[in-house]
């Protein structure tokens, strides 16, 4: 069985981002490819760890994040880079 997680570089690390699913904003602390399966079959998901204003971190799918409105939108997502 392989590792339970793997850190992924992301262009928005340490910047303010917004979770599209909840509308919550915070600082992107990490993007991790995690095996979220509790069975023998692996299921890998890219999770974004965001630290909100309260100091507590929450997770969302990495595809659900975008730069916060006060941040420039000059970056492309990893998915866009793969298809190019």
C-alpha atoms as a PDB file:
ATOM      1  CA  UNK A   1       0.000   0.000   0.000  1.00  0.00           C
ATOM      2  CA  UNK A   2       1.311   3.467  -0.863  1.00  0.00           C
ATOM      3  CA  UNK A   3       1.585   6.578   1.308  1.00  0.00           C
ATOM      4  CA  UNK A   4      -1.562   8.132   2.741  1.00  0.00           C
ATOM      5  CA  UNK A   5      -0.796  11.610   1.406  1.00  0.00           C
ATOM      6  CA  UNK A   6       1.444  13.644  -0.882  1.00  0.00           C
ATOM      7  CA  UNK A   7       2.038  17.425  -0.813  1.00  0.00           C
ATOM      8  CA  UNK A   8       1.373  19.174  -4.133  1.00  0.00           C
ATOM      9  CA  UNK A   9       2.890  22.514  -5.173  1.00  0.00           C
ATOM     10  CA  UNK A  10       0.256  25.161  -5.891  1.00  0.00           C
ATOM     11  CA  UNK A  11       0.565  28.707  -7.202  1.00  0.00           C
ATOM     12  CA  UNK A  12      -1.810  30.103  -4.546  1.00  0.00           C
ATOM     13  CA  UNK A  13       0.029  28.765  -1.471  1.00  0.00           C
ATOM     14  CA  UNK A  14       0.245  31.355   1.328  1.00  0.00           C
ATOM     15  CA  UNK A  15      -2.216  33.629  -0.489  1.00  0.00           C
ATOM     16  CA  UNK A  16      -5.812  34.579   0.277  1.00  0.00           C
ATOM     17  CA  UNK A  17      -8.266  32.306  -1.501  1.00  0.00           C
ATOM     18  CA  UNK A  18     -11.987  31.746  -1.584  1.00  0.00           C
ATOM     19  CA  UNK A  19     -13.736  28.378  -1.345  1.00  0.00           C
ATOM     20  CA  UNK A  20     -16.336  28.385  -4.120  1.00  0.00           C
ATOM     21  CA  UNK A  21     -18.494  25.798  -2.346  1.00  0.00           C
ATOM     22  CA  UNK A  22     -18.963  27.776   0.888  1.00  0.00           C
ATOM     23  CA  UNK A  23     -17.851  31.298  -0.057  1.00  0.00           C
ATOM     24  CA  UNK A  24     -15.445  31.278   2.906  1.00  0.00           C
ATOM     25  CA  UNK A  25     -12.112  33.055   2.523  1.00  0.00           C
ATOM     26  CA  UNK A  26      -8.767  32.334   4.123  1.00  0.00           C
ATOM     27  CA  UNK A  27      -5.102  31.619   3.454  1.00  0.00           C
ATOM     28  CA  UNK A  28      -4.195  28.511   1.467  1.00  0.00           C
ATOM     29  CA  UNK A  29      -1.860  26.533   3.728  1.00  0.00           C
ATOM     30  CA  UNK A  30      -1.370  23.343   1.680  1.00  0.00           C
ATOM     31  CA  UNK A  31      -2.714  21.208  -1.139  1.00  0.00           C
ATOM     32  CA  UNK A  32      -2.410  17.524  -0.421  1.00  0.00           C
ATOM     33  CA  UNK A  33      -3.229  14.484  -2.520  1.00  0.00           C
ATOM     34  CA  UNK A  34      -4.815  12.233   0.118  1.00  0.00           C
ATOM     35  CA  UNK A  35      -5.983   8.664   0.081  1.00  0.00           C
ATOM     36  CA  UNK A  36      -9.422   9.141   1.662  1.00  0.00           C
ATOM     37  CA  UNK A  37     -10.468   5.508   1.429  1.00  0.00           C
ATOM     38  CA  UNK A  38     -11.041   3.454   4.551  1.00  0.00           C
ATOM     39  CA  UNK A  39     -11.265   0.244   2.502  1.00  0.00           C
ATOM     40  CA  UNK A  40      -8.613  -1.670   0.576  1.00  0.00           C
ATOM     41  CA  UNK A  41      -9.383   0.239  -2.630  1.00  0.00           C
ATOM     42  CA  UNK A  42      -7.447   3.514  -2.840  1.00  0.00           C
ATOM     43  CA  UNK A  43      -9.341   6.748  -3.551  1.00  0.00           C
ATOM     44  CA  UNK A  44      -7.070   9.768  -3.988  1.00  0.00           C
ATOM     45  CA  UNK A  45      -8.430  13.326  -3.713  1.00  0.00           C
ATOM     46  CA  UNK A  46      -6.611  16.673  -3.969  1.00  0.00           C
ATOM     47  CA  UNK A  47      -7.638  18.613  -0.850  1.00  0.00           C
ATOM     48  CA  UNK A  48      -6.909  22.272  -0.185  1.00  0.00           C
ATOM     49  CA  UNK A  49      -6.265  23.224   3.453  1.00  0.00           C
ATOM     50  CA  UNK A  50      -7.425  26.782   4.125  1.00  0.00           C
ATOM     51  CA  UNK A  51      -6.916  28.705   7.375  1.00  0.00           C
ATOM     52  CA  UNK A  52      -9.912  30.951   8.002  1.00  0.00           C
ATOM     53  CA  UNK A  53     -10.066  34.226   9.945  1.00  0.00           C
ATOM     54  CA  UNK A  54     -10.735  32.311  13.181  1.00  0.00           C
ATOM     55  CA  UNK A  55      -7.415  30.475  12.826  1.00  0.00           C
ATOM     56  CA  UNK A  56      -9.097  27.115  12.237  1.00  0.00           C
ATOM     57  CA  UNK A  57      -8.304  25.206   9.065  1.00  0.00           C
ATOM     58  CA  UNK A  58     -10.882  23.568   6.839  1.00  0.00           C
ATOM     59  CA  UNK A  59     -10.609  21.508   3.681  1.00  0.00           C
ATOM     60  CA  UNK A  60     -12.242  21.690   0.296  1.00  0.00           C
ATOM     61  CA  UNK A  61     -11.552  20.163  -3.092  1.00  0.00           C
ATOM     62  CA  UNK A  62      -8.541  21.846  -4.681  1.00  0.00           C
ATOM     63  CA  UNK A  63     -10.672  22.571  -7.754  1.00  0.00           C
ATOM     64  CA  UNK A  64     -13.003  24.675  -5.543  1.00  0.00           C
ATOM     65  CA  UNK A  65     -10.499  27.411  -4.759  1.00  0.00           C
ATOM     66  CA  UNK A  66      -9.862  30.704  -6.491  1.00  0.00           C
ATOM     67  CA  UNK A  67      -7.916  33.828  -5.554  1.00  0.00           C
ATOM     68  CA  UNK A  68      -9.862  36.004  -3.111  1.00  0.00           C
ATOM     69  CA  UNK A  69     -11.468  39.060  -4.773  1.00  0.00           C
ATOM     70  CA  UNK A  70      -8.676  41.326  -3.464  1.00  0.00           C
ATOM     71  CA  UNK A  71      -6.026  39.091  -5.126  1.00  0.00           C
ATOM     72  CA  UNK A  72      -5.025  39.257  -8.823  1.00  0.00           C
ATOM     73  CA  UNK A  73      -6.445  36.490 -11.025  1.00  0.00           C
ATOM     74  CA  UNK A  74      -3.264  35.851 -13.009  1.00  0.00           C
ATOM     75  CA  UNK A  75      -2.838  32.171 -12.158  1.00  0.00           C
ATOM     76  CA  UNK A  76      -4.116  29.045 -13.847  1.00  0.00           C
ATOM     77  CA  UNK A  77      -5.205  25.903 -12.072  1.00  0.00           C
ATOM     78  CA  UNK A  78      -3.261  22.651 -12.222  1.00  0.00           C
ATOM     79  CA  UNK A  79      -6.072  21.089 -14.256  1.00  0.00           C
ATOM     80  CA  UNK A  80      -5.735  23.826 -16.917  1.00  0.00           C
ATOM     81  CA  UNK A  81      -1.973  23.255 -17.080  1.00  0.00           C
ATOM     82  CA  UNK A  82      -2.405  19.504 -17.628  1.00  0.00           C
ATOM     83  CA  UNK A  83      -4.767  19.913 -20.571  1.00  0.00           C
ATOM     84  CA  UNK A  84      -2.564  22.482 -22.307  1.00  0.00           C
END
